C-alpha atoms as a PDB file:
ATOM      1  CA  MET A   1      26.414  -2.931 -98.857  1.00  0.00           C
ATOM      2  CA  SER A   2      22.986  -5.238 -98.818  1.00  0.00           C
ATOM      3  CA  SER A   3      24.926  -8.543 -97.815  1.00  0.00           C
ATOM      4  CA  PHE A   4      26.481  -6.863 -94.962  1.00  0.00           C
ATOM      5  CA  LYS A   5      23.473  -5.634 -93.780  1.00  0.00           C
ATOM      6  CA  THR A   6      21.844  -9.042 -93.875  1.00  0.00           C
ATOM      7  CA  PHE A   7      25.053 -10.520 -92.143  1.00  0.00           C
ATOM      8  CA  GLU A   8      24.406  -7.823 -89.533  1.00  0.00           C
ATOM      9  CA  THR A   9      20.853  -8.383 -88.714  1.00  0.00           C
ATOM     10  CA  LYS A  10      21.285 -12.973 -88.994  1.00  0.00           C
ATOM     11  CA  ALA A  11      24.342 -11.620 -86.704  1.00  0.00           C
ATOM     12  CA  GLY A  12      22.453  -9.793 -83.886  1.00  0.00           C
ATOM     13  CA  HIS A  13      19.366 -12.979 -84.251  1.00  0.00           C
ATOM     14  CA  LEU A  14      22.136 -15.429 -83.691  1.00  0.00           C
ATOM     15  CA  MET A  15      23.375 -13.680 -80.615  1.00  0.00           C
ATOM     16  CA  GLY A  16      20.319 -13.064 -79.037  1.00  0.00           C
ATOM     17  CA  ASN A  17      19.324 -16.860 -79.879  1.00  0.00           C
ATOM     18  CA  PHE A  18      22.353 -17.252 -77.649  1.00  0.00           C
ATOM     19  CA  VAL A  19      21.949 -14.674 -74.544  1.00  0.00           C
ATOM     20  CA  GLN A  20      17.922 -16.574 -74.482  1.00  0.00           C
ATOM     21  CA  LYS A  21      19.652 -19.912 -75.021  1.00  0.00           C
ATOM     22  CA  GLY A  22      22.044 -18.858 -72.432  1.00  0.00           C
ATOM     23  CA  SER A  23      19.458 -17.358 -69.985  1.00  0.00           C
ATOM     24  CA  GLU A  24      17.310 -20.717 -70.665  1.00  0.00           C
ATOM     25  CA  LEU A  25      19.838 -22.879 -69.098  1.00  0.00           C
ATOM     26  CA  VAL A  26      20.600 -20.884 -66.213  1.00  0.00           C
ATOM     27  CA  GLU A  27      17.234 -20.755 -64.582  1.00  0.00           C
ATOM     28  CA  THR A  28      17.318 -25.043 -65.496  1.00  0.00           C
ATOM     29  CA  GLY A  29      21.078 -24.817 -64.016  1.00  0.00           C
ATOM     30  CA  LYS A  30      19.097 -23.471 -60.625  1.00  0.00           C
ATOM     31  CA  ILE A  31      16.195 -25.123 -60.375  1.00  0.00           C
ATOM     32  CA  ARG A  32      17.851 -28.603 -60.914  1.00  0.00           C
ATOM     33  CA  LEU A  33      20.475 -27.468 -57.738  1.00  0.00           C
ATOM     34  CA  SER A  34      16.459 -26.727 -55.880  1.00  0.00           C
ATOM     35  CA  ILE A  35      15.401 -30.126 -56.918  1.00  0.00           C
ATOM     36  CA  GLY A  36      18.539 -31.494 -55.309  1.00  0.00           C
ATOM     37  CA  ARG A  37      18.559 -29.622 -52.183  1.00  0.00           C
ATOM     38  CA  GLU A  38      14.575 -31.136 -51.111  1.00  0.00           C
ATOM     39  CA  GLU A  39      16.348 -34.011 -52.149  1.00  0.00           C
ATOM     40  CA  ARG A  40      18.556 -34.207 -49.746  1.00  0.00           C
ATOM     41  CA  ALA A  41      16.714 -33.044 -47.040  1.00  0.00           C
ATOM     42  CA  VAL A  42      13.904 -35.705 -47.931  1.00  0.00           C
ATOM     43  CA  ASP A  43      16.503 -38.466 -47.780  1.00  0.00           C
ATOM     44  CA  GLU A  44      17.843 -36.454 -43.908  1.00  0.00           C
ATOM     45  CA  LEU A  45      14.705 -37.468 -42.778  1.00  0.00           C
ATOM     46  CA  PHE A  46      13.963 -40.274 -43.617  1.00  0.00           C
ATOM     47  CA  TYR A  47      17.739 -40.815 -42.202  1.00  0.00           C
ATOM     48  CA  LYS A  48      16.296 -39.126 -38.899  1.00  0.00           C
ATOM     49  CA  ILE A  49      13.109 -41.471 -38.576  1.00  0.00           C
ATOM     50  CA  GLY A  50      14.706 -44.342 -39.495  1.00  0.00           C
ATOM     51  CA  GLU A  51      17.217 -44.020 -36.784  1.00  0.00           C
ATOM     52  CA  ALA A  52      14.471 -42.658 -34.581  1.00  0.00           C
ATOM     53  CA  VAL A  53      12.484 -46.263 -34.828  1.00  0.00           C
ATOM     54  CA  TYR A  54      15.527 -47.680 -34.853  1.00  0.00           C
ATOM     55  CA  GLU A  55      16.857 -46.762 -31.582  1.00  0.00           C
ATOM     56  CA  ASN A  56      13.238 -47.127 -29.943  1.00  0.00           C
ATOM     57  CA  CYS A  57      13.068 -50.698 -30.812  1.00  0.00           C
ATOM     58  CA  ARG A  58      16.704 -51.336 -29.451  1.00  0.00           C
ATOM     59  CA  LYS A  59      15.719 -49.086 -26.499  1.00  0.00           C
ATOM     60  CA  ASN A  60      12.476 -51.411 -25.530  1.00  0.00           C
ATOM     61  CA  GLY A  61      13.969 -54.201 -26.895  1.00  0.00           C
ATOM     62  CA  VAL A  62      11.374 -55.067 -29.455  1.00  0.00           C
ATOM     63  CA  SER A  63      11.256 -54.514 -33.426  1.00  0.00           C
ATOM     64  CA  PRO A  64       8.742 -55.136 -35.746  1.00  0.00           C
ATOM     65  CA  ASP A  65       9.091 -58.629 -37.837  1.00  0.00           C
ATOM     66  CA  TYR A  66       9.217 -56.327 -41.396  1.00  0.00           C
ATOM     67  CA  ILE A  67      12.250 -55.238 -39.747  1.00  0.00           C
ATOM     68  CA  SER A  68      14.116 -56.476 -37.483  1.00  0.00           C
ATOM     69  CA  SER A  69      16.351 -58.252 -40.089  1.00  0.00           C
ATOM     70  CA  GLU A  70      17.288 -55.106 -40.395  1.00  0.00           C
ATOM     71  CA  CYS A  71      17.861 -54.064 -37.132  1.00  0.00           C
ATOM     72  CA  ASP A  72      20.106 -57.282 -36.885  1.00  0.00           C
ATOM     73  CA  GLU A  73      21.532 -56.382 -39.399  1.00  0.00           C
ATOM     74  CA  ILE A  74      22.740 -52.759 -38.426  1.00  0.00           C
ATOM     75  CA  ASP A  75      24.043 -54.080 -35.082  1.00  0.00           C
ATOM     76  CA  GLU A  76      26.538 -56.487 -36.904  1.00  0.00           C
ATOM     77  CA  ARG A  77      27.717 -53.750 -38.315  1.00  0.00           C
ATOM     78  CA  ARG A  78      28.684 -51.709 -36.063  1.00  0.00           C
ATOM     79  CA  THR A  79      30.281 -54.908 -34.752  1.00  0.00           C
ATOM     80  CA  HIS A  80      32.484 -54.498 -37.568  1.00  0.00           C
ATOM     81  CA  ILE A  81      32.860 -50.727 -37.590  1.00  0.00           C
ATOM     82  CA  ALA A  82      33.876 -51.733 -34.078  1.00  0.00           C
ATOM     83  CA  LEU A  83      36.585 -54.566 -35.186  1.00  0.00           C
ATOM     84  CA  LEU A  84      38.013 -51.755 -38.192  1.00  0.00           C
ATOM     85  CA  ASN A  85      38.338 -48.986 -36.245  1.00  0.00           C
ATOM     86  CA  ALA A  86      39.932 -51.030 -33.592  1.00  0.00           C
ATOM     87  CA  LYS A  87      42.151 -52.343 -36.182  1.00  0.00           C
ATOM     88  CA  LEU A  88      43.001 -48.840 -37.578  1.00  0.00           C
ATOM     89  CA  ASN A  89      44.478 -47.651 -34.468  1.00  0.00           C
ATOM     90  CA  ALA A  90      46.510 -50.470 -33.606  1.00  0.00           C
ATOM     91  CA  ALA A  91      47.675 -50.262 -36.795  1.00  0.00           C
ATOM     92  CA  ARG A  92      48.678 -46.743 -36.336  1.00  0.00           C
ATOM     93  CA  THR A  93      50.207 -47.127 -33.407  1.00  0.00           C
ATOM     94  CA  ALA A  94      52.858 -49.538 -34.372  1.00  0.00           C
ATOM     95  CA  SER A  95      52.910 -47.147 -37.683  1.00  0.00           C
ATOM     96  CA  GLU A  96      53.783 -44.698 -34.486  1.00  0.00           C
ATOM     97  CA  ASP A  97      56.195 -46.959 -32.746  1.00  0.00           C
ATOM     98  CA  MET A  98      58.134 -47.978 -36.227  1.00  0.00           C
ATOM     99  CA  GLY A  99      58.413 -43.845 -37.087  1.00  0.00           C
ATOM    100  CA  ALA A 100      60.295 -43.274 -33.775  1.00  0.00           C
ATOM    101  CA  ALA A 101      62.197 -46.340 -33.770  1.00  0.00           C
ATOM    102  CA  ALA A 102      63.608 -45.144 -37.210  1.00  0.00           C
ATOM    103  CA  LYS A 103      63.602 -41.628 -35.528  1.00  0.00           C
ATOM    104  CA  LYS A 104      65.374 -42.818 -33.399  1.00  0.00           C
ATOM    105  CA  GLU A 105      67.948 -45.683 -35.023  1.00  0.00           C
ATOM    106  CA  LYS A 106      68.398 -42.483 -37.559  1.00  0.00           C
ATOM    107  CA  ALA A 107      69.634 -40.353 -34.821  1.00  0.00           C
ATOM    108  CA  ALA A 108      72.207 -42.490 -33.750  1.00  0.00           C
ATOM    109  CA  LYS A 109      73.663 -43.471 -37.465  1.00  0.00           C
ATOM    110  CA  GLN A 110      73.549 -40.108 -37.795  1.00  0.00           C
ATOM    111  CA  GLU A 111      75.337 -39.419 -34.817  1.00  0.00           C
ATOM    112  CA  LYS A 112      77.922 -42.247 -35.541  1.00  0.00           C
ATOM    113  CA  GLU A 113      78.912 -40.832 -38.461  1.00  0.00           C
ATOM    114  CA  VAL A 114      79.958 -37.374 -37.133  1.00  0.00           C
ATOM    115  CA  ILE A 115      81.754 -39.356 -34.720  1.00  0.00           C
ATOM    116  CA  ILE A 116      84.040 -41.011 -38.178  1.00  0.00           C
ATOM    117  CA  ASP A 117      84.111 -38.079 -40.014  1.00  0.00           C
ATOM    118  CA  ILE A 118      85.711 -36.645 -37.075  1.00  0.00           C
ATOM    119  CA  THR A 119      88.331 -39.648 -36.358  1.00  0.00           C
ATOM    120  CA  ILE A 120      89.025 -39.426 -40.677  1.00  0.00           C
ATOM    121  CA  GLU A 121      89.685 -35.603 -39.901  1.00  0.00           C
ATOM    122  CA  GLU A 122      91.875 -36.418 -37.083  1.00  0.00           C
ATOM    123  CA  LYS A 123      93.655 -39.178 -38.920  1.00  0.00           C
ATOM    124  CA  GLU A 124      94.258 -37.260 -42.186  1.00  0.00           C
ATOM    125  CA  GLY A 125      95.583 -33.980 -40.140  1.00  0.00           C
ATOM    126  CA  LYS A 126      97.933 -36.200 -38.214  1.00  0.00           C
ATOM    127  CA  SER A 127      99.001 -37.846 -41.342  1.00  0.00           C
ATOM    128  CA  GLU A 128     100.119 -34.417 -42.949  1.00  0.00           C
ATOM    129  CA  LYS A 129     101.946 -33.202 -39.554  1.00  0.00           C
ATOM    130  CA  SER A 130     104.031 -37.009 -39.826  1.00  0.00           C
ATOM    131  CA  GLU A 131     104.983 -36.254 -43.876  1.00  0.00           C
ATOM    132  CA  LYS A 132     106.138 -32.422 -42.536  1.00  0.00           C
ATOM    133  CA  ALA A 133     108.348 -34.022 -39.457  1.00  0.00           C
ATOM    134  CA  GLU A 134     109.340 -36.972 -42.070  1.00  0.00           C
ATOM    135  CA  LYS A 135     110.575 -34.186 -44.819  1.00  0.00           C
ATOM    136  CA  LYS A 136     112.016 -32.238 -41.770  1.00  0.00           C
ATOM    137  CA  GLU A 137     114.332 -35.136 -41.047  1.00  0.00           C
ATOM    138  CA  ASP A 138     115.102 -36.240 -43.862  1.00  0.00           C
ATOM    139  CA  PRO A 139     118.522 -34.975 -44.580  1.00  0.00           C
ATOM    140  CA  THR A 140     118.028 -35.766 -48.341  1.00  0.00           C
ATOM    141  CA  ASN A 141     114.874 -33.889 -49.075  1.00  0.00           C
ATOM    142  CA  GLN A 142     115.183 -30.970 -51.332  1.00  0.00           C
ATOM    143  CA  GLU A 143     113.322 -28.110 -51.258  1.00  0.00           C
END
């Protein structure tokens, strides 16, 4: 019985350690989330400051030497983005036009298939009727 009590005591201590470590992990996770939120807020503020400086430089037509090349690069990249957006819109339009043409072609093909089906059925019906008529006319036919 004493070995069972020892085992039970050790298991109890072990479970207590697990609970404590779990609580510590939860707490450090919460702190890391808070740090991440604060860093994102700071990044957003830096973004707003940079955007305001850029807009002010472009509005006044003057940019300090230490950021003039970056401002020019922003302009170039915005122009490139506009060109890419134009290409994307052209591709979408072409794709939509092709899709519409394909739908029309498919619909026309389906109409033809229906007409062909009807024609085939009519021919089959006529051939069955003509066979029956031939059998009636044939005097050697003994059914």
